[in-house]
PDB file of N, CA and C in Angstrom:
ATOM      1  N   MET A   1      -4.567  -6.251  20.552  1.00  0.00           N
ATOM      2  CA  MET A   1      -3.920  -5.126  19.909  1.00  0.00           C
ATOM      3  C   MET A   1      -3.497  -5.701  17.718  1.00  0.00           C
ATOM      4  N   THR A   2      -3.894  -5.014  16.780  1.00  0.00           N
ATOM      5  CA  THR A   2      -3.981  -5.318  15.848  1.00  0.00           C
ATOM      6  C   THR A   2      -2.555  -5.031  15.480  1.00  0.00           C
ATOM      7  N   THR A   3      -2.030  -5.999  15.131  1.00  0.00           N
ATOM      8  CA  THR A   3      -0.315  -5.555  13.925  1.00  0.00           C
ATOM      9  C   THR A   3      -0.627  -5.511  12.675  1.00  0.00           C
ATOM     10  N   MET A   4       0.251  -4.511  12.666  1.00  0.00           N
ATOM     11  CA  MET A   4       0.661  -4.567  10.498  1.00  0.00           C
ATOM     12  C   MET A   4       0.390  -6.144  10.385  1.00  0.00           C
ATOM     13  N   LYS A   5       0.973  -7.377  10.482  1.00  0.00           N
ATOM     14  CA  LYS A   5       1.159  -8.164  10.240  1.00  0.00           C
ATOM     15  C   LYS A   5      -0.856  -8.830   9.880  1.00  0.00           C
ATOM     16  N   ASP A   6      -1.236  -8.511  11.528  1.00  0.00           N
ATOM     17  CA  ASP A   6      -2.596  -9.220  10.985  1.00  0.00           C
ATOM     18  C   ASP A   6      -3.529  -7.882  10.314  1.00  0.00           C
ATOM     19  N   VAL A   7      -3.047  -6.680   9.768  1.00  0.00           N
ATOM     20  CA  VAL A   7      -3.863  -6.303   8.646  1.00  0.00           C
ATOM     21  C   VAL A   7      -3.558  -6.661   7.021  1.00  0.00           C
ATOM     22  N   GLU A   8      -1.929  -6.879   7.056  1.00  0.00           N
ATOM     23  CA  GLU A   8      -1.836  -7.240   5.580  1.00  0.00           C
ATOM     24  C   GLU A   8      -2.264  -8.905   5.331  1.00  0.00           C
ATOM     25  N   ARG A   9      -2.531  -9.934   7.024  1.00  0.00           N
ATOM     26  CA  ARG A   9      -2.876 -10.854   6.396  1.00  0.00           C
ATOM     27  C   ARG A   9      -4.407 -10.607   6.347  1.00  0.00           C
ATOM     28  N   GLU A  10      -5.296  -9.993   6.498  1.00  0.00           N
ATOM     29  CA  GLU A  10      -6.459  -9.784   5.956  1.00  0.00           C
ATOM     30  C   GLU A  10      -6.611  -9.543   4.585  1.00  0.00           C
ATOM     31  N   PHE A  11      -5.587  -9.302   3.720  1.00  0.00           N
ATOM     32  CA  PHE A  11      -5.309  -8.794   2.561  1.00  0.00           C
ATOM     33  C   PHE A  11      -4.607  -9.781   1.431  1.00  0.00           C
ATOM     34  N   GLN A  12      -4.699 -10.962   2.013  1.00  0.00           N
ATOM     35  CA  GLN A  12      -3.913 -11.555   0.931  1.00  0.00           C
ATOM     36  C   GLN A  12      -4.964 -12.346   0.336  1.00  0.00           C
ATOM     37  N   SER A  13      -6.133 -12.655   0.759  1.00  0.00           N
ATOM     38  CA  SER A  13      -6.770 -13.270  -0.615  1.00  0.00           C
ATOM     39  C   SER A  13      -7.488 -12.559  -1.657  1.00  0.00           C
ATOM     40  N   VAL A  14      -7.551 -10.933  -1.601  1.00  0.00           N
ATOM     41  CA  VAL A  14      -7.905  -9.955  -2.995  1.00  0.00           C
ATOM     42  C   VAL A  14      -6.192  -9.639  -3.832  1.00  0.00           C
ATOM     43  N   GLY A  15      -5.049  -9.995  -2.833  1.00  0.00           N
ATOM     44  CA  GLY A  15      -3.702  -9.871  -3.423  1.00  0.00           C
ATOM     45  C   GLY A  15      -3.167 -10.558  -3.647  1.00  0.00           C
ATOM     46  N   GLN A  16      -2.323 -10.288  -4.567  1.00  0.00           N
ATOM     47  CA  GLN A  16      -1.227 -11.282  -5.345  1.00  0.00           C
ATOM     48  C   GLN A  16       0.139 -11.508  -4.392  1.00  0.00           C
ATOM     49  N   ARG A  17       1.198 -11.899  -4.250  1.00  0.00           N
ATOM     50  CA  ARG A  17       1.602 -12.483  -3.318  1.00  0.00           C
ATOM     51  C   ARG A  17       3.074 -13.034  -4.164  1.00  0.00           C
ATOM     52  N   ARG A  18       3.818 -12.189  -4.924  1.00  0.00           N
ATOM     53  CA  ARG A  18       5.437 -12.573  -5.347  1.00  0.00           C
ATOM     54  C   ARG A  18       6.607 -12.172  -4.677  1.00  0.00           C
ATOM     55  N   GLY A  19       7.442 -13.248  -4.316  1.00  0.00           N
ATOM     56  CA  GLY A  19       8.598 -12.997  -3.595  1.00  0.00           C
ATOM     57  C   GLY A  19       8.447 -12.909  -2.459  1.00  0.00           C
ATOM     58  N   GLY A  20       7.360 -13.171  -1.543  1.00  0.00           N
ATOM     59  CA  GLY A  20       7.532 -12.383   0.074  1.00  0.00           C
ATOM     60  C   GLY A  20       6.598 -10.848  -0.543  1.00  0.00           C
ATOM     61  N   VAL A  21       6.322 -10.253  -1.348  1.00  0.00           N
ATOM     62  CA  VAL A  21       5.831  -9.503  -1.251  1.00  0.00           C
ATOM     63  C   VAL A  21       4.320  -9.518  -1.700  1.00  0.00           C
ATOM     64  N   LEU A  22       3.446  -8.461  -0.783  1.00  0.00           N
ATOM     65  CA  LEU A  22       2.018  -8.142  -1.097  1.00  0.00           C
ATOM     66  C   LEU A  22       1.787  -7.418  -1.962  1.00  0.00           C
ATOM     67  N   PHE A  23       1.048  -7.654  -3.082  1.00  0.00           N
ATOM     68  CA  PHE A  23       0.471  -6.657  -3.893  1.00  0.00           C
ATOM     69  C   PHE A  23      -1.104  -6.618  -4.148  1.00  0.00           C
ATOM     70  N   LEU A  24      -1.071  -5.003  -4.312  1.00  0.00           N
ATOM     71  CA  LEU A  24      -2.832  -5.157  -4.286  1.00  0.00           C
ATOM     72  C   LEU A  24      -3.335  -3.917  -5.172  1.00  0.00           C
ATOM     73  N   THR A  25      -4.343  -4.315  -6.343  1.00  0.00           N
ATOM     74  CA  THR A  25      -4.806  -2.745  -6.994  1.00  0.00           C
ATOM     75  C   THR A  25      -4.900  -1.854  -6.150  1.00  0.00           C
ATOM     76  N   PRO A  26      -4.898  -0.714  -7.000  1.00  0.00           N
ATOM     77  CA  PRO A  26      -5.536   0.592  -6.317  1.00  0.00           C
ATOM     78  C   PRO A  26      -6.565   0.565  -5.302  1.00  0.00           C
ATOM     79  N   ASN A  27      -7.845  -0.030  -5.844  1.00  0.00           N
ATOM     80  CA  ASN A  27      -8.885   0.033  -4.923  1.00  0.00           C
ATOM     81  C   ASN A  27      -8.503  -0.878  -3.890  1.00  0.00           C
ATOM     82  N   ASP A  28      -7.863  -2.001  -3.280  1.00  0.00           N
ATOM     83  CA  ASP A  28      -7.496  -2.898  -2.327  1.00  0.00           C
ATOM     84  C   ASP A  28      -6.303  -2.459  -1.587  1.00  0.00           C
ATOM     85  N   ALA A  29      -5.111  -0.650  -2.105  1.00  0.00           N
ATOM     86  CA  ALA A  29      -4.458  -0.726  -1.875  1.00  0.00           C
ATOM     87  C   ALA A  29      -5.119   0.038  -0.656  1.00  0.00           C
ATOM     88  N   ILE A  30      -5.868   0.620  -1.162  1.00  0.00           N
ATOM     89  CA  ILE A  30      -6.662   2.257  -0.355  1.00  0.00           C
ATOM     90  C   ILE A  30      -7.940   1.420   0.667  1.00  0.00           C
ATOM     91  N   HIS A  31      -7.891   0.401   0.121  1.00  0.00           N
ATOM     92  CA  HIS A  31      -8.820  -0.587   1.816  1.00  0.00           C
ATOM     93  C   HIS A  31      -7.631  -0.641   2.744  1.00  0.00           C
ATOM     94  N   MET A  32      -6.830  -1.218   2.505  1.00  0.00           N
ATOM     95  CA  MET A  32      -5.778  -1.768   3.039  1.00  0.00           C
ATOM     96  C   MET A  32      -5.553   0.004   4.284  1.00  0.00           C
ATOM     97  N   VAL A  33      -5.419   0.963   3.472  1.00  0.00           N
ATOM     98  CA  VAL A  33      -4.843   2.310   4.195  1.00  0.00           C
ATOM     99  C   VAL A  33      -6.055   2.564   5.440  1.00  0.00           C
ATOM    100  N   ASN A  34      -6.992   2.248   4.582  1.00  0.00           N
ATOM    101  CA  ASN A  34      -8.443   2.952   5.783  1.00  0.00           C
ATOM    102  C   ASN A  34      -8.953   1.990   6.894  1.00  0.00           C
ATOM    103  N   ARG A  35      -8.164   0.442   6.971  1.00  0.00           N
ATOM    104  CA  ARG A  35      -7.793  -0.687   7.758  1.00  0.00           C
ATOM    105  C   ARG A  35      -6.559   0.363   8.649  1.00  0.00           C
ATOM    106  N   ALA A  36      -5.669   0.000   8.176  1.00  0.00           N
ATOM    107  CA  ALA A  36      -4.646   1.016   9.067  1.00  0.00           C
ATOM    108  C   ALA A  36      -4.891   1.844   9.483  1.00  0.00           C
ATOM    109  N   ARG A  37      -5.556   2.652   9.132  1.00  0.00           N
ATOM    110  CA  ARG A  37      -6.211   3.941   9.684  1.00  0.00           C
ATOM    111  C   ARG A  37      -7.035   3.338  11.292  1.00  0.00           C
ATOM    112  N   GLU A  38      -8.535   2.405  10.848  1.00  0.00           N
ATOM    113  CA  GLU A  38      -9.199   2.266  11.710  1.00  0.00           C
ATOM    114  C   GLU A  38      -8.230   2.026  13.007  1.00  0.00           C
ATOM    115  N   GLU A  39      -6.887   0.548  12.254  1.00  0.00           N
ATOM    116  CA  GLU A  39      -6.226   0.978  13.853  1.00  0.00           C
ATOM    117  C   GLU A  39      -4.814   1.670  14.588  1.00  0.00           C
ATOM    118  N   ASN A  40      -4.654   2.528  13.540  1.00  0.00           N
ATOM    119  CA  ASN A  40      -4.384   3.944  14.271  1.00  0.00           C
ATOM    120  C   ASN A  40      -2.924   3.070  13.727  1.00  0.00           C
ATOM    121  N   ILE A  41      -2.585   2.587  12.499  1.00  0.00           N
ATOM    122  CA  ILE A  41      -1.650   1.476  11.982  1.00  0.00           C
ATOM    123  C   ILE A  41      -0.824   3.151  10.666  1.00  0.00           C
ATOM    124  N   ARG A  42       0.741   3.644  10.764  1.00  0.00           N
ATOM    125  CA  ARG A  42       0.740   4.530  10.368  1.00  0.00           C
ATOM    126  C   ARG A  42       1.503   3.587   8.780  1.00  0.00           C
ATOM    127  N   VAL A  43       1.041   5.206   7.563  1.00  0.00           N
ATOM    128  CA  VAL A  43       1.851   3.887   6.474  1.00  0.00           C
ATOM    129  C   VAL A  43       2.795   4.275   6.453  1.00  0.00           C
ATOM    130  N   LEU A  44       3.865   4.395   5.603  1.00  0.00           N
ATOM    131  CA  LEU A  44       5.493   4.222   5.777  1.00  0.00           C
ATOM    132  C   LEU A  44       5.622   4.491   4.176  1.00  0.00           C
ATOM    133  N   GLY A  45       5.494   3.971   3.489  1.00  0.00           N
ATOM    134  CA  GLY A  45       5.496   4.200   1.972  1.00  0.00           C
ATOM    135  C   GLY A  45       4.192   3.481   1.588  1.00  0.00           C
ATOM    136  N   ILE A  46       4.364   3.565  -0.235  1.00  0.00           N
ATOM    137  CA  ILE A  46       3.932   3.111  -1.135  1.00  0.00           C
ATOM    138  C   ILE A  46       4.249   2.905  -2.263  1.00  0.00           C
ATOM    139  N   ASP A  47       4.964   1.592  -2.844  1.00  0.00           N
ATOM    140  CA  ASP A  47       5.772   1.164  -4.321  1.00  0.00           C
ATOM    141  C   ASP A  47       4.741   0.587  -5.112  1.00  0.00           C
ATOM    142  N   GLY A  48       5.100   1.506  -5.986  1.00  0.00           N
ATOM    143  CA  GLY A  48       4.148   0.685  -7.210  1.00  0.00           C
ATOM    144  C   GLY A  48       4.651   0.005  -7.807  1.00  0.00           C
ATOM    145  N   PHE A  49       3.838  -1.177  -8.860  1.00  0.00           N
ATOM    146  CA  PHE A  49       4.966  -2.074  -9.794  1.00  0.00           C
ATOM    147  C   PHE A  49       4.411  -2.423 -10.585  1.00  0.00           C
ATOM    148  N   PHE A  50       4.367  -2.952 -11.699  1.00  0.00           N
ATOM    149  CA  PHE A  50       3.826  -3.295 -13.053  1.00  0.00           C
ATOM    150  C   PHE A  50       4.328  -4.880 -12.626  1.00  0.00           C
ATOM    151  N   LEU A  51       2.889  -5.149 -13.022  1.00  0.00           N
ATOM    152  CA  LEU A  51       2.995  -7.169 -13.013  1.00  0.00           C
ATOM    153  C   LEU A  51       3.045  -7.172 -13.528  1.00  0.00           C
ATOM    154  N   ARG A  52       3.683  -8.016 -14.462  1.00  0.00           N
ATOM    155  CA  ARG A  52       3.966  -9.231 -15.763  1.00  0.00           C
ATOM    156  C   ARG A  52       3.560 -10.415 -15.260  1.00  0.00           C
ATOM    157  N   PRO A  53       3.347 -11.247 -16.111  1.00  0.00           N
ATOM    158  CA  PRO A  53       3.642 -12.721 -16.155  1.00  0.00           C
ATOM    159  C   PRO A  53       4.526 -13.340 -16.206  1.00  0.00           C
ATOM    160  N   SER A  54       5.663 -13.135 -16.674  1.00  0.00           N
ATOM    161  CA  SER A  54       7.036 -13.495 -15.721  1.00  0.00           C
ATOM    162  C   SER A  54       7.851 -12.289 -15.376  1.00  0.00           C
ATOM    163  N   GLU A  55       7.419 -11.106 -14.702  1.00  0.00           N
ATOM    164  CA  GLU A  55       8.209 -10.339 -14.364  1.00  0.00           C
ATOM    165  C   GLU A  55       7.822  -9.215 -13.497  1.00  0.00           C
ATOM    166  N   THR A  56       8.021  -8.893 -12.369  1.00  0.00           N
ATOM    167  CA  THR A  56       8.220  -7.840 -11.790  1.00  0.00           C
ATOM    168  C   THR A  56       8.690  -6.567 -11.373  1.00  0.00           C
ATOM    169  N   GLU A  57       7.962  -5.976 -11.817  1.00  0.00           N
ATOM    170  CA  GLU A  57       9.324  -4.642 -12.772  1.00  0.00           C
ATOM    171  C   GLU A  57       8.808  -3.046 -11.807  1.00  0.00           C
ATOM    172  N   PRO A  58       9.216  -2.584 -10.553  1.00  0.00           N
ATOM    173  CA  PRO A  58       9.232  -1.640  -9.817  1.00  0.00           C
ATOM    174  C   PRO A  58       9.513  -0.776 -10.691  1.00  0.00           C
ATOM    175  N   SER A  59       8.397   0.414  -9.825  1.00  0.00           N
ATOM    176  CA  SER A  59       7.984   1.873 -10.675  1.00  0.00           C
ATOM    177  C   SER A  59       8.307   3.537  -9.499  1.00  0.00           C
ATOM    178  N   LEU A  60       9.853   3.530  -9.621  1.00  0.00           N
ATOM    179  CA  LEU A  60      10.022   4.783  -8.776  1.00  0.00           C
ATOM    180  C   LEU A  60       8.780   5.788  -8.433  1.00  0.00           C
ATOM    181  N   GLU A  61       8.680   6.183 -10.196  1.00  0.00           N
ATOM    182  CA  GLU A  61       8.342   7.041 -10.289  1.00  0.00           C
ATOM    183  C   GLU A  61       6.234   6.809 -10.056  1.00  0.00           C
ATOM    184  N   HIS A  62       6.143   5.983  -9.687  1.00  0.00           N
ATOM    185  CA  HIS A  62       4.565   5.562  -8.601  1.00  0.00           C
ATOM    186  C   HIS A  62       4.757   5.076  -7.421  1.00  0.00           C
ATOM    187  N   SER A  63       5.731   5.862  -6.654  1.00  0.00           N
ATOM    188  CA  SER A  63       5.895   5.175  -5.762  1.00  0.00           C
ATOM    189  C   SER A  63       6.352   6.933  -4.623  1.00  0.00           C
ATOM    190  N   ILE A  64       5.937   6.390  -3.090  1.00  0.00           N
ATOM    191  CA  ILE A  64       5.675   7.919  -2.238  1.00  0.00           C
ATOM    192  C   ILE A  64       6.689   7.107  -0.823  1.00  0.00           C
ATOM    193  N   ASP A  65       7.088   7.772  -0.583  1.00  0.00           N
ATOM    194  CA  ASP A  65       7.833   7.727   1.075  1.00  0.00           C
ATOM    195  C   ASP A  65       7.131   8.556   1.474  1.00  0.00           C
ATOM    196  N   LEU A  66       6.269   8.129   2.755  1.00  0.00           N
ATOM    197  CA  LEU A  66       5.993   8.345   3.835  1.00  0.00           C
ATOM    198  C   LEU A  66       6.088   8.629   5.512  1.00  0.00           C
ATOM    199  N   SER A  67       7.209   7.666   5.461  1.00  0.00           N
ATOM    200  CA  SER A  67       8.150   7.837   6.165  1.00  0.00           C
ATOM    201  C   SER A  67       9.440   8.790   7.396  1.00  0.00           C
ATOM    202  N   LEU A  68       9.067  10.334   6.662  1.00  0.00           N
ATOM    203  CA  LEU A  68       9.063  11.490   7.087  1.00  0.00           C
ATOM    204  C   LEU A  68       9.013  11.271   8.949  1.00  0.00           C
ATOM    205  N   PRO A  69      10.703  12.161   9.471  1.00  0.00           N
ATOM    206  CA  PRO A  69      10.335  12.837  11.083  1.00  0.00           C
ATOM    207  C   PRO A  69       9.240  13.582  11.468  1.00  0.00           C
ATOM    208  N   GLY A  70       8.316  13.421  11.940  1.00  0.00           N
ATOM    209  CA  GLY A  70       7.730  14.359  12.185  1.00  0.00           C
ATOM    210  C   GLY A  70       6.125  14.470  11.594  1.00  0.00           C
ATOM    211  N   GLN A  71       6.490  13.472  10.864  1.00  0.00           N
ATOM    212  CA  GLN A  71       5.186  13.559  10.242  1.00  0.00           C
ATOM    213  C   GLN A  71       3.856  12.406  10.669  1.00  0.00           C
ATOM    214  N   SER A  72       2.632  12.606  11.101  1.00  0.00           N
ATOM    215  CA  SER A  72       1.678  12.130  11.899  1.00  0.00           C
ATOM    216  C   SER A  72       0.925  11.253  10.557  1.00  0.00           C
ATOM    217  N   PRO A  73       0.602  10.087  11.970  1.00  0.00           N
ATOM    218  CA  PRO A  73      -0.463   8.739  11.160  1.00  0.00           C
ATOM    219  C   PRO A  73      -1.224   9.448  10.320  1.00  0.00           C
ATOM    220  N   ALA A  74      -2.417  10.463  10.879  1.00  0.00           N
ATOM    221  CA  ALA A  74      -3.399  10.810  10.242  1.00  0.00           C
ATOM    222  C   ALA A  74      -3.051  11.804   8.981  1.00  0.00           C
ATOM    223  N   ASP A  75      -1.767  11.936   8.840  1.00  0.00           N
ATOM    224  CA  ASP A  75      -1.440  12.813   7.530  1.00  0.00           C
ATOM    225  C   ASP A  75      -0.979  11.383   6.732  1.00  0.00           C
ATOM    226  N   SER A  76      -0.486  10.819   7.459  1.00  0.00           N
ATOM    227  CA  SER A  76       0.341   9.869   6.102  1.00  0.00           C
ATOM    228  C   SER A  76      -0.937   8.497   5.492  1.00  0.00           C
ATOM    229  N   TRP A  77      -1.633   8.778   6.493  1.00  0.00           N
ATOM    230  CA  TRP A  77      -3.149   8.093   5.293  1.00  0.00           C
ATOM    231  C   TRP A  77      -3.932   9.035   4.738  1.00  0.00           C
ATOM    232  N   GLU A  78      -4.304  10.269   4.868  1.00  0.00           N
ATOM    233  CA  GLU A  78      -4.325  11.022   4.228  1.00  0.00           C
ATOM    234  C   GLU A  78      -3.924  11.279   2.667  1.00  0.00           C
ATOM    235  N   VAL A  79      -3.174  11.603   2.593  1.00  0.00           N
ATOM    236  CA  VAL A  79      -1.462  11.266   1.471  1.00  0.00           C
ATOM    237  C   VAL A  79      -1.997  10.184   0.695  1.00  0.00           C
ATOM    238  N   ALA A  80      -1.569   8.985   1.646  1.00  0.00           N
ATOM    239  CA  ALA A  80      -1.609   8.020   0.700  1.00  0.00           C
ATOM    240  C   ALA A  80      -3.046   7.651  -0.298  1.00  0.00           C
ATOM    241  N   GLN A  81      -4.303   8.046   0.578  1.00  0.00           N
ATOM    242  CA  GLN A  81      -5.352   7.580   0.218  1.00  0.00           C
ATOM    243  C   GLN A  81      -5.184   8.843  -1.539  1.00  0.00           C
ATOM    244  N   ARG A  82      -4.937   9.722  -1.288  1.00  0.00           N
ATOM    245  CA  ARG A  82      -5.036  10.776  -2.301  1.00  0.00           C
ATOM    246  C   ARG A  82      -4.006  10.051  -3.637  1.00  0.00           C
ATOM    247  N   PHE A  83      -3.043   9.682  -3.065  1.00  0.00           N
ATOM    248  CA  PHE A  83      -2.129   9.223  -4.154  1.00  0.00           C
ATOM    249  C   PHE A  83      -2.641   7.425  -4.635  1.00  0.00           C
ATOM    250  N   LEU A  84      -3.290   7.343  -4.322  1.00  0.00           N
ATOM    251  CA  LEU A  84      -3.411   5.886  -4.720  1.00  0.00           C
ATOM    252  C   LEU A  84      -4.889   6.218  -5.416  1.00  0.00           C
ATOM    253  N   GLU A  85      -5.841   7.044  -5.181  1.00  0.00           N
ATOM    254  CA  GLU A  85      -6.988   7.474  -5.761  1.00  0.00           C
ATOM    255  C   GLU A  85      -6.393   7.786  -7.165  1.00  0.00           C
ATOM    256  N   ARG A  86      -5.309   8.311  -7.557  1.00  0.00           N
ATOM    257  CA  ARG A  86      -5.002   8.604  -8.745  1.00  0.00           C
ATOM    258  C   ARG A  86      -4.516   7.402  -9.834  1.00  0.00           C
ATOM    259  N   TYR A  87      -4.306   6.422  -9.382  1.00  0.00           N
ATOM    260  CA  TYR A  87      -4.460   5.117 -10.436  1.00  0.00           C
ATOM    261  C   TYR A  87      -5.655   4.304 -10.155  1.00  0.00           C
ATOM    262  N   LEU A  88      -6.636   5.071 -10.101  1.00  0.00           N
ATOM    263  CA  LEU A  88      -7.566   3.611  -9.612  1.00  0.00           C
ATOM    264  C   LEU A  88      -8.085   3.178 -10.566  1.00  0.00           C
ATOM    265  N   ASN A  89      -7.947   4.081 -12.336  1.00  0.00           N
ATOM    266  CA  ASN A  89      -8.325   3.216 -13.313  1.00  0.00           C
ATOM    267  C   ASN A  89      -6.917   2.688 -13.961  1.00  0.00           C
ATOM    268  N   SER A  90      -6.185   2.709 -13.227  1.00  0.00           N
ATOM    269  CA  SER A  90      -5.257   1.867 -13.914  1.00  0.00           C
ATOM    270  C   SER A  90      -4.585   0.068 -13.702  1.00  0.00           C
ATOM    271  N   SER A  91      -3.637  -0.744 -14.048  1.00  0.00           N
ATOM    272  CA  SER A  91      -3.275  -1.572 -14.112  1.00  0.00           C
ATOM    273  C   SER A  91      -1.572  -1.904 -13.232  1.00  0.00           C
ATOM    274  N   MET A  92      -1.623  -0.948 -12.453  1.00  0.00           N
ATOM    275  CA  MET A  92      -0.757  -0.700 -11.432  1.00  0.00           C
ATOM    276  C   MET A  92      -1.650  -1.402 -10.669  1.00  0.00           C
ATOM    277  N   HIS A  93      -0.154  -2.212  -9.232  1.00  0.00           N
ATOM    278  CA  HIS A  93      -0.513  -2.700  -7.895  1.00  0.00           C
ATOM    279  C   HIS A  93       0.545  -2.366  -7.368  1.00  0.00           C
ATOM    280  N   PHE A  94       0.142  -2.234  -5.996  1.00  0.00           N
ATOM    281  CA  PHE A  94       0.959  -1.733  -4.621  1.00  0.00           C
ATOM    282  C   PHE A  94       1.123  -2.012  -3.656  1.00  0.00           C
ATOM    283  N   GLU A  95       2.538  -2.118  -3.295  1.00  0.00           N
ATOM    284  CA  GLU A  95       2.700  -2.395  -1.905  1.00  0.00           C
ATOM    285  C   GLU A  95       2.515  -1.162  -0.906  1.00  0.00           C
ATOM    286  N   VAL A  96       1.816  -1.677   0.029  1.00  0.00           N
ATOM    287  CA  VAL A  96       1.494  -0.779   1.116  1.00  0.00           C
ATOM    288  C   VAL A  96       2.267  -1.094   2.842  1.00  0.00           C
ATOM    289  N   VAL A  97       3.489  -0.294   2.086  1.00  0.00           N
ATOM    290  CA  VAL A  97       4.034  -0.098   3.814  1.00  0.00           C
ATOM    291  C   VAL A  97       3.559   0.237   5.230  1.00  0.00           C
ATOM    292  N   LEU A  98       3.656  -0.929   6.150  1.00  0.00           N
ATOM    293  CA  LEU A  98       3.261  -0.387   6.912  1.00  0.00           C
ATOM    294  C   LEU A  98       3.785  -0.366   8.336  1.00  0.00           C
ATOM    295  N   GLU A  99       3.824   0.562   9.099  1.00  0.00           N
ATOM    296  CA  GLU A  99       3.858   0.788  10.470  1.00  0.00           C
ATOM    297  C   GLU A  99       4.546  -0.578  11.403  1.00  0.00           C
TER     298      GLU A  99
END
């Protein structure tokens, strides 16, 4: 059985790790959401960040909470993908929080 930690490990080589958090480009974050879908692992949220050489700045404006009670895993994958697609041409990085 594949866990959220297994899925996260698959993306370590394409992401940046800072302070124990894996940051992904929008495209790589979409791929991670798709892997979660394949393994039936729910997306709990996506947090947006501006990564600079000497700082990591979170952006609540570019984040989404998908951990609402009663929300199905399928809904979380669809909403997460649509959310990330808005940032494909940006320099934002994202933490994908899986269940």
